[in-house]
Amino acid sequence: MKRKMISCASALFFLAVFNCKRDKPDPECRDASCCNPYSFDYVEYIVDEPVALTGPPYYAFYSFRFIRKFPTKRREHYWAYTARVCEKSLNKLAGFPLTYGKVNESNSFPYKISGKLMDAKGEKLVDRPILSLYIDKIEKIN
C-alpha cells in the first residue's frame, strides 16, 4: 500500500513537472511569444502591406518602412511608419535585398508583407510606438 502511494505521488509529480501544454506559445501570437512576450504586446495582424526593407550594414537592425501609419487603431499622435523585424523571423528575409541604404533614396515599396505587429511594453521617452513585426509571409511585388 505504501509503495502504491509513493508511485502515485511520483506519477502526479512528473505529470505536473513535465506537462506537455506548459509554456506552449500561442499559435496566434496574441501573447507576443513569437517576438518576446516580456518586451512586447500584440497590436494587430497586417495583411499584404507594401513595405521597404533596410538593415545592416547601414542600420543595426532590419526594419520595414510602411506606406501608412500603424497601429491602425491609435490615439492621436501615437503612430509610426517603421517596424523592426523580430529575431525569430529574420531567417525569412533570406534572398530579399535591401530597398535602400543609409539614405531613403526612393519611395519604392517592392515587398508585400503579412505578419503580427507588436509594440514595446513599458515607459517610453517619447509617446510613440516602438513596433516590431513577426513575418508570416513576405513576397516581392512585380
N, C-alpha and C. Protein backbone atom coordinates (compact mmCIF):
# COMPACT_ATOMS: atom_id res chain seq x y z
N MET A 1 0.83 -1.20 0.00
CA MET A 1 0.00 0.00 0.00
C MET A 1 0.87 1.26 0.00
N LYS A 2 1.90 1.24 0.84
CA LYS A 2 2.79 2.39 0.93
C LYS A 2 3.53 2.60 -0.40
N ARG A 3 3.92 1.49 -1.04
CA ARG A 3 4.62 1.56 -2.30
C ARG A 3 3.72 2.15 -3.40
N LYS A 4 2.42 1.80 -3.40
CA LYS A 4 1.45 2.35 -4.36
C LYS A 4 1.29 3.84 -4.17
N MET A 5 1.25 4.27 -2.93
CA MET A 5 1.09 5.71 -2.63
C MET A 5 2.29 6.49 -3.15
N ILE A 6 3.49 5.93 -2.95
CA ILE A 6 4.69 6.62 -3.40
C ILE A 6 4.72 6.69 -4.93
N SER A 7 4.37 5.59 -5.60
CA SER A 7 4.38 5.61 -7.06
C SER A 7 3.29 6.52 -7.62
N CYS A 8 2.13 6.58 -6.98
CA CYS A 8 1.07 7.51 -7.41
C CYS A 8 1.52 8.96 -7.21
N ALA A 9 2.15 9.24 -6.08
CA ALA A 9 2.62 10.60 -5.79
C ALA A 9 3.71 11.01 -6.78
N SER A 10 4.63 10.09 -7.09
CA SER A 10 5.69 10.43 -8.04
C SER A 10 5.12 10.58 -9.45
N ALA A 11 4.12 9.79 -9.82
CA ALA A 11 3.49 9.96 -11.13
C ALA A 11 2.81 11.32 -11.25
N LEU A 12 2.13 11.75 -10.20
CA LEU A 12 1.50 13.08 -10.20
C LEU A 12 2.55 14.18 -10.29
N PHE A 13 3.66 13.97 -9.58
CA PHE A 13 4.73 14.96 -9.62
C PHE A 13 5.27 15.10 -11.04
N PHE A 14 5.56 13.97 -11.71
CA PHE A 14 6.08 14.02 -13.08
C PHE A 14 5.07 14.60 -14.06
N LEU A 15 3.79 14.34 -13.87
CA LEU A 15 2.77 14.94 -14.73
C LEU A 15 2.74 16.45 -14.57
N ALA A 16 2.89 16.90 -13.33
CA ALA A 16 2.87 18.34 -13.09
C ALA A 16 4.12 19.02 -13.65
N VAL A 17 5.28 18.38 -13.50
CA VAL A 17 6.53 18.99 -13.95
C VAL A 17 6.69 18.93 -15.46
N PHE A 18 6.35 17.81 -16.06
CA PHE A 18 6.58 17.62 -17.49
C PHE A 18 5.28 17.67 -18.30
N ASN A 19 4.40 18.57 -17.94
CA ASN A 19 3.14 18.73 -18.64
C ASN A 19 3.42 19.23 -20.07
N CYS A 20 2.86 18.58 -21.05
CA CYS A 20 3.11 18.92 -22.45
C CYS A 20 2.60 20.31 -22.82
N LYS A 21 1.55 20.75 -22.19
CA LYS A 21 0.94 22.03 -22.57
C LYS A 21 1.57 23.21 -21.85
N ARG A 22 2.47 22.96 -20.94
CA ARG A 22 3.06 24.03 -20.16
C ARG A 22 3.95 24.91 -21.04
N ASP A 23 3.80 26.20 -20.94
CA ASP A 23 4.62 27.19 -21.64
C ASP A 23 4.61 27.02 -23.16
N LYS A 24 3.54 26.52 -23.70
CA LYS A 24 3.42 26.43 -25.16
C LYS A 24 3.08 27.80 -25.70
N PRO A 25 3.77 28.26 -26.74
CA PRO A 25 3.44 29.57 -27.29
C PRO A 25 2.07 29.55 -27.97
N ASP A 26 1.43 30.68 -27.92
CA ASP A 26 0.12 30.84 -28.54
C ASP A 26 0.31 30.87 -30.06
N PRO A 27 -0.34 29.97 -30.83
CA PRO A 27 -0.15 29.97 -32.28
C PRO A 27 -0.60 31.26 -32.95
N GLU A 28 -1.54 31.95 -32.35
CA GLU A 28 -2.00 33.24 -32.89
C GLU A 28 -1.05 34.36 -32.49
N CYS A 29 -0.17 34.09 -31.55
CA CYS A 29 0.81 35.05 -31.05
C CYS A 29 0.18 36.25 -30.35
N ARG A 30 -0.97 36.08 -29.79
CA ARG A 30 -1.61 37.18 -29.07
C ARG A 30 -0.91 37.46 -27.74
N ASP A 31 -0.03 36.53 -27.32
CA ASP A 31 0.75 36.76 -26.11
C ASP A 31 2.16 37.26 -26.44
N ALA A 32 2.41 37.59 -27.69
CA ALA A 32 3.69 38.11 -28.19
C ALA A 32 4.82 37.10 -28.07
N SER A 33 4.50 35.82 -27.94
CA SER A 33 5.53 34.79 -27.79
C SER A 33 6.37 34.62 -29.04
N CYS A 34 5.89 35.06 -30.20
CA CYS A 34 6.67 34.94 -31.42
C CYS A 34 7.76 36.02 -31.51
N CYS A 35 7.68 37.04 -30.69
CA CYS A 35 8.74 38.06 -30.65
C CYS A 35 9.47 37.93 -29.31
N ASN A 36 8.92 38.52 -28.30
CA ASN A 36 9.44 38.42 -26.95
C ASN A 36 8.32 38.84 -26.01
N PRO A 37 7.66 37.89 -25.35
CA PRO A 37 6.48 38.22 -24.55
C PRO A 37 6.77 39.15 -23.37
N TYR A 38 8.04 39.23 -22.97
CA TYR A 38 8.38 40.10 -21.84
C TYR A 38 8.59 41.54 -22.26
N SER A 39 8.84 41.75 -23.54
CA SER A 39 9.13 43.10 -24.02
C SER A 39 8.06 43.71 -24.90
N PHE A 40 7.15 42.87 -25.45
CA PHE A 40 6.19 43.37 -26.43
C PHE A 40 4.76 42.96 -26.11
N ASP A 41 3.83 43.75 -26.60
CA ASP A 41 2.39 43.45 -26.56
C ASP A 41 1.91 43.32 -28.00
N TYR A 42 1.02 42.36 -28.23
CA TYR A 42 0.42 42.17 -29.56
C TYR A 42 -0.45 43.38 -29.89
N VAL A 43 -0.32 43.89 -31.12
CA VAL A 43 -1.10 45.05 -31.54
C VAL A 43 -2.15 44.64 -32.57
N GLU A 44 -1.70 44.10 -33.71
CA GLU A 44 -2.63 43.73 -34.77
C GLU A 44 -1.94 42.84 -35.80
N TYR A 45 -2.74 42.26 -36.67
CA TYR A 45 -2.23 41.44 -37.76
C TYR A 45 -2.36 42.25 -39.05
N ILE A 46 -1.27 42.37 -39.79
CA ILE A 46 -1.32 43.11 -41.05
C ILE A 46 -1.23 42.11 -42.21
N VAL A 47 -1.93 42.43 -43.30
CA VAL A 47 -2.00 41.52 -44.45
C VAL A 47 -1.62 42.27 -45.72
N ASP A 48 -0.67 41.70 -46.47
CA ASP A 48 -0.24 42.21 -47.78
C ASP A 48 0.00 43.72 -47.78
N GLU A 49 0.75 44.17 -46.81
CA GLU A 49 1.08 45.59 -46.68
C GLU A 49 2.36 45.88 -47.47
N PRO A 50 2.35 46.86 -48.40
CA PRO A 50 3.58 47.21 -49.13
C PRO A 50 4.62 47.81 -48.18
N VAL A 51 5.86 47.33 -48.30
CA VAL A 51 6.93 47.79 -47.41
C VAL A 51 8.24 47.96 -48.16
N ALA A 52 9.14 48.73 -47.55
CA ALA A 52 10.53 48.84 -47.98
C ALA A 52 11.38 48.22 -46.88
N LEU A 53 12.48 47.57 -47.24
CA LEU A 53 13.34 46.88 -46.29
C LEU A 53 14.68 47.57 -46.19
N THR A 54 15.17 47.76 -44.97
CA THR A 54 16.52 48.27 -44.75
C THR A 54 17.14 47.53 -43.57
N GLY A 55 18.43 47.67 -43.40
CA GLY A 55 19.10 46.97 -42.31
C GLY A 55 20.61 47.03 -42.44
N PRO A 56 21.31 46.04 -41.82
CA PRO A 56 22.77 46.05 -41.86
C PRO A 56 23.29 46.02 -43.30
N PRO A 57 24.36 46.65 -43.60
CA PRO A 57 25.32 47.33 -42.74
C PRO A 57 24.99 48.78 -42.45
N TYR A 58 23.88 49.29 -42.97
CA TYR A 58 23.53 50.70 -42.80
C TYR A 58 22.91 50.99 -41.43
N TYR A 59 22.15 50.06 -40.92
CA TYR A 59 21.49 50.21 -39.61
C TYR A 59 21.76 48.97 -38.78
N ALA A 60 21.59 49.07 -37.49
CA ALA A 60 21.89 47.96 -36.58
C ALA A 60 20.89 46.81 -36.73
N PHE A 61 19.63 47.13 -37.06
CA PHE A 61 18.59 46.12 -37.13
C PHE A 61 17.91 46.16 -38.49
N TYR A 62 17.36 45.02 -38.90
CA TYR A 62 16.49 45.01 -40.07
C TYR A 62 15.17 45.64 -39.69
N SER A 63 14.64 46.44 -40.60
CA SER A 63 13.34 47.06 -40.33
C SER A 63 12.58 47.28 -41.63
N PHE A 64 11.28 47.47 -41.48
CA PHE A 64 10.40 47.74 -42.60
C PHE A 64 9.86 49.16 -42.48
N ARG A 65 9.68 49.81 -43.63
CA ARG A 65 9.02 51.11 -43.68
C ARG A 65 7.71 50.92 -44.43
N PHE A 66 6.63 51.38 -43.81
CA PHE A 66 5.29 51.22 -44.38
C PHE A 66 4.87 52.48 -45.13
N ILE A 67 3.86 52.33 -45.98
CA ILE A 67 3.26 53.47 -46.67
C ILE A 67 2.35 54.23 -45.71
N ARG A 68 1.61 53.49 -44.88
CA ARG A 68 0.66 54.14 -43.98
C ARG A 68 1.10 53.98 -42.53
N LYS A 69 0.39 54.66 -41.64
CA LYS A 69 0.74 54.68 -40.22
C LYS A 69 0.17 53.47 -39.49
N PHE A 70 0.92 52.99 -38.51
CA PHE A 70 0.48 51.92 -37.63
C PHE A 70 0.72 52.32 -36.19
N PRO A 71 -0.01 51.79 -35.24
CA PRO A 71 -1.13 50.87 -35.33
C PRO A 71 -2.37 51.52 -35.97
N THR A 72 -3.24 50.68 -36.53
CA THR A 72 -4.44 51.16 -37.20
C THR A 72 -5.36 51.85 -36.21
N LYS A 73 -5.62 51.19 -35.09
CA LYS A 73 -6.43 51.80 -34.02
C LYS A 73 -5.46 52.48 -33.07
N ARG A 74 -5.44 53.80 -33.10
CA ARG A 74 -4.46 54.54 -32.30
C ARG A 74 -5.07 55.80 -31.74
N ARG A 75 -4.41 56.29 -30.73
CA ARG A 75 -4.82 57.60 -30.23
C ARG A 75 -4.03 58.66 -30.99
N GLU A 76 -4.40 59.90 -30.79
CA GLU A 76 -3.78 61.00 -31.54
C GLU A 76 -2.27 61.01 -31.35
N HIS A 77 -1.54 61.15 -32.43
CA HIS A 77 -0.08 61.24 -32.46
C HIS A 77 0.63 59.97 -32.01
N TYR A 78 -0.07 58.85 -31.83
CA TYR A 78 0.58 57.60 -31.43
C TYR A 78 0.63 56.67 -32.64
N TRP A 79 1.64 56.87 -33.49
CA TRP A 79 1.76 56.09 -34.71
C TRP A 79 3.22 56.04 -35.15
N ALA A 80 3.52 55.13 -36.07
CA ALA A 80 4.86 55.03 -36.64
C ALA A 80 4.76 54.49 -38.06
N TYR A 81 5.77 54.80 -38.86
CA TYR A 81 5.85 54.30 -40.23
C TYR A 81 6.80 53.11 -40.33
N THR A 82 7.53 52.78 -39.26
CA THR A 82 8.54 51.73 -39.31
C THR A 82 8.32 50.69 -38.23
N ALA A 83 8.88 49.50 -38.49
CA ALA A 83 8.84 48.42 -37.51
C ALA A 83 10.10 47.57 -37.67
N ARG A 84 10.71 47.23 -36.55
CA ARG A 84 11.84 46.30 -36.58
C ARG A 84 11.35 44.90 -36.90
N VAL A 85 12.23 44.05 -37.35
CA VAL A 85 11.90 42.65 -37.62
C VAL A 85 12.25 41.83 -36.38
N CYS A 86 11.29 41.03 -35.91
CA CYS A 86 11.54 40.16 -34.75
C CYS A 86 12.66 39.18 -35.08
N GLU A 87 13.49 38.90 -34.09
CA GLU A 87 14.63 38.00 -34.30
C GLU A 87 14.20 36.62 -34.80
N LYS A 88 13.07 36.13 -34.32
CA LYS A 88 12.62 34.79 -34.69
C LYS A 88 12.17 34.68 -36.14
N SER A 89 12.04 35.79 -36.84
CA SER A 89 11.63 35.73 -38.24
C SER A 89 12.68 36.29 -39.19
N LEU A 90 13.89 36.53 -38.70
CA LEU A 90 14.96 37.06 -39.56
C LEU A 90 15.32 36.09 -40.69
N ASN A 91 15.19 34.79 -40.45
CA ASN A 91 15.53 33.81 -41.47
C ASN A 91 14.63 33.91 -42.71
N LYS A 92 13.47 34.51 -42.57
CA LYS A 92 12.54 34.66 -43.70
C LYS A 92 12.96 35.77 -44.67
N LEU A 93 13.97 36.56 -44.28
CA LEU A 93 14.45 37.65 -45.14
C LEU A 93 15.50 37.19 -46.14
N ALA A 94 15.92 35.94 -46.05
CA ALA A 94 16.96 35.43 -46.96
C ALA A 94 16.49 35.55 -48.41
N GLY A 95 17.34 36.14 -49.24
CA GLY A 95 17.02 36.30 -50.66
C GLY A 95 16.29 37.59 -51.00
N PHE A 96 16.02 38.42 -49.99
CA PHE A 96 15.35 39.70 -50.24
C PHE A 96 16.36 40.83 -50.02
N PRO A 97 16.83 41.48 -51.10
CA PRO A 97 17.81 42.56 -50.93
C PRO A 97 17.18 43.80 -50.30
N LEU A 98 18.05 44.62 -49.70
CA LEU A 98 17.59 45.87 -49.09
C LEU A 98 17.03 46.79 -50.15
N THR A 99 15.99 47.55 -49.79
CA THR A 99 15.38 48.51 -50.70
C THR A 99 16.26 49.74 -50.84
N TYR A 100 16.83 50.20 -49.73
CA TYR A 100 17.69 51.38 -49.75
C TYR A 100 18.72 51.26 -48.64
N GLY A 101 19.75 52.12 -48.73
CA GLY A 101 20.83 52.10 -47.75
C GLY A 101 20.62 53.11 -46.65
N LYS A 102 21.65 53.90 -46.39
CA LYS A 102 21.64 54.87 -45.29
C LYS A 102 20.60 55.95 -45.50
N VAL A 103 20.45 56.39 -46.74
CA VAL A 103 19.51 57.46 -47.05
C VAL A 103 18.36 56.84 -47.86
N ASN A 104 17.15 57.25 -47.53
CA ASN A 104 15.99 56.76 -48.27
C ASN A 104 16.02 57.41 -49.65
N GLU A 105 16.56 56.68 -50.62
CA GLU A 105 16.76 57.23 -51.95
C GLU A 105 15.52 57.19 -52.83
N SER A 106 14.51 56.42 -52.42
CA SER A 106 13.34 56.31 -53.28
C SER A 106 12.08 56.11 -52.44
N ASN A 107 10.96 56.24 -53.09
CA ASN A 107 9.68 55.93 -52.45
C ASN A 107 9.20 54.58 -52.93
N SER A 108 10.12 53.66 -53.10
CA SER A 108 9.82 52.34 -53.60
C SER A 108 9.42 51.41 -52.45
N PHE A 109 8.37 50.65 -52.67
CA PHE A 109 7.90 49.67 -51.69
C PHE A 109 7.77 48.33 -52.42
N PRO A 110 8.91 47.63 -52.64
CA PRO A 110 8.91 46.47 -53.52
C PRO A 110 8.42 45.15 -52.91
N TYR A 111 8.09 45.15 -51.62
CA TYR A 111 7.68 43.89 -50.99
C TYR A 111 6.29 44.02 -50.38
N LYS A 112 5.60 42.87 -50.33
CA LYS A 112 4.32 42.75 -49.63
C LYS A 112 4.54 41.86 -48.43
N ILE A 113 4.03 42.29 -47.29
CA ILE A 113 4.29 41.53 -46.07
C ILE A 113 3.01 41.28 -45.30
N SER A 114 2.94 40.12 -44.66
CA SER A 114 1.85 39.79 -43.73
C SER A 114 2.52 39.31 -42.45
N GLY A 115 1.97 39.73 -41.33
CA GLY A 115 2.56 39.30 -40.06
C GLY A 115 1.92 39.97 -38.86
N LYS A 116 2.50 39.66 -37.72
CA LYS A 116 1.98 40.14 -36.43
C LYS A 116 2.79 41.34 -35.96
N LEU A 117 2.09 42.42 -35.69
CA LEU A 117 2.72 43.66 -35.26
C LEU A 117 2.68 43.74 -33.74
N MET A 118 3.82 44.07 -33.13
CA MET A 118 3.94 44.18 -31.67
C MET A 118 4.42 45.58 -31.32
N ASP A 119 4.06 46.02 -30.11
CA ASP A 119 4.52 47.31 -29.60
C ASP A 119 5.29 47.06 -28.30
N ALA A 120 6.37 47.80 -28.10
CA ALA A 120 7.20 47.63 -26.90
C ALA A 120 6.41 48.00 -25.66
N LYS A 121 6.59 47.20 -24.62
CA LYS A 121 5.95 47.47 -23.32
C LYS A 121 6.76 48.51 -22.57
N GLY A 122 6.16 49.00 -21.52
CA GLY A 122 6.89 49.88 -20.61
C GLY A 122 6.87 51.34 -21.02
N GLU A 123 7.59 52.11 -20.22
CA GLU A 123 7.65 53.55 -20.46
C GLU A 123 8.57 53.85 -21.63
N LYS A 124 8.21 54.90 -22.35
CA LYS A 124 9.00 55.35 -23.49
C LYS A 124 9.36 56.80 -23.29
N LEU A 125 10.49 57.17 -23.82
CA LEU A 125 10.95 58.55 -23.69
C LEU A 125 10.00 59.51 -24.41
N VAL A 126 9.53 59.08 -25.58
CA VAL A 126 8.58 59.85 -26.38
C VAL A 126 7.33 58.99 -26.55
N ASP A 127 6.18 59.62 -26.58
CA ASP A 127 4.93 58.87 -26.69
C ASP A 127 4.70 58.44 -28.14
N ARG A 128 5.51 57.50 -28.59
CA ARG A 128 5.41 56.91 -29.92
C ARG A 128 5.54 55.40 -29.78
N PRO A 129 4.92 54.65 -30.68
CA PRO A 129 5.08 53.19 -30.60
C PRO A 129 6.48 52.78 -31.05
N ILE A 130 6.98 51.74 -30.44
CA ILE A 130 8.22 51.11 -30.87
C ILE A 130 7.79 49.73 -31.38
N LEU A 131 7.59 49.64 -32.69
CA LEU A 131 6.97 48.46 -33.28
C LEU A 131 7.99 47.42 -33.73
N SER A 132 7.58 46.17 -33.60
CA SER A 132 8.32 45.03 -34.15
C SER A 132 7.33 44.17 -34.92
N LEU A 133 7.83 43.47 -35.93
CA LEU A 133 6.96 42.69 -36.79
C LEU A 133 7.48 41.26 -36.89
N TYR A 134 6.60 40.30 -36.61
CA TYR A 134 6.92 38.90 -36.86
C TYR A 134 6.38 38.56 -38.25
N ILE A 135 7.26 38.14 -39.14
CA ILE A 135 6.89 37.89 -40.53
C ILE A 135 6.23 36.53 -40.68
N ASP A 136 5.02 36.51 -41.18
CA ASP A 136 4.37 35.26 -41.56
C ASP A 136 4.63 34.99 -43.04
N LYS A 137 4.57 36.05 -43.86
CA LYS A 137 4.74 35.91 -45.31
C LYS A 137 5.36 37.17 -45.88
N ILE A 138 6.34 37.00 -46.73
CA ILE A 138 6.92 38.14 -47.45
C ILE A 138 7.08 37.72 -48.91
N GLU A 139 6.73 38.63 -49.81
CA GLU A 139 6.91 38.34 -51.24
C GLU A 139 7.22 39.62 -51.99
N LYS A 140 7.89 39.46 -53.11
CA LYS A 140 8.26 40.60 -53.95
C LYS A 140 7.05 40.97 -54.82
N ILE A 141 6.80 42.28 -54.93
CA ILE A 141 5.75 42.79 -55.81
C ILE A 141 6.37 42.96 -57.19
N ASN A 142 5.72 42.47 -58.21
CA ASN A 142 6.27 42.59 -59.58
C ASN A 142 6.07 43.95 -60.14
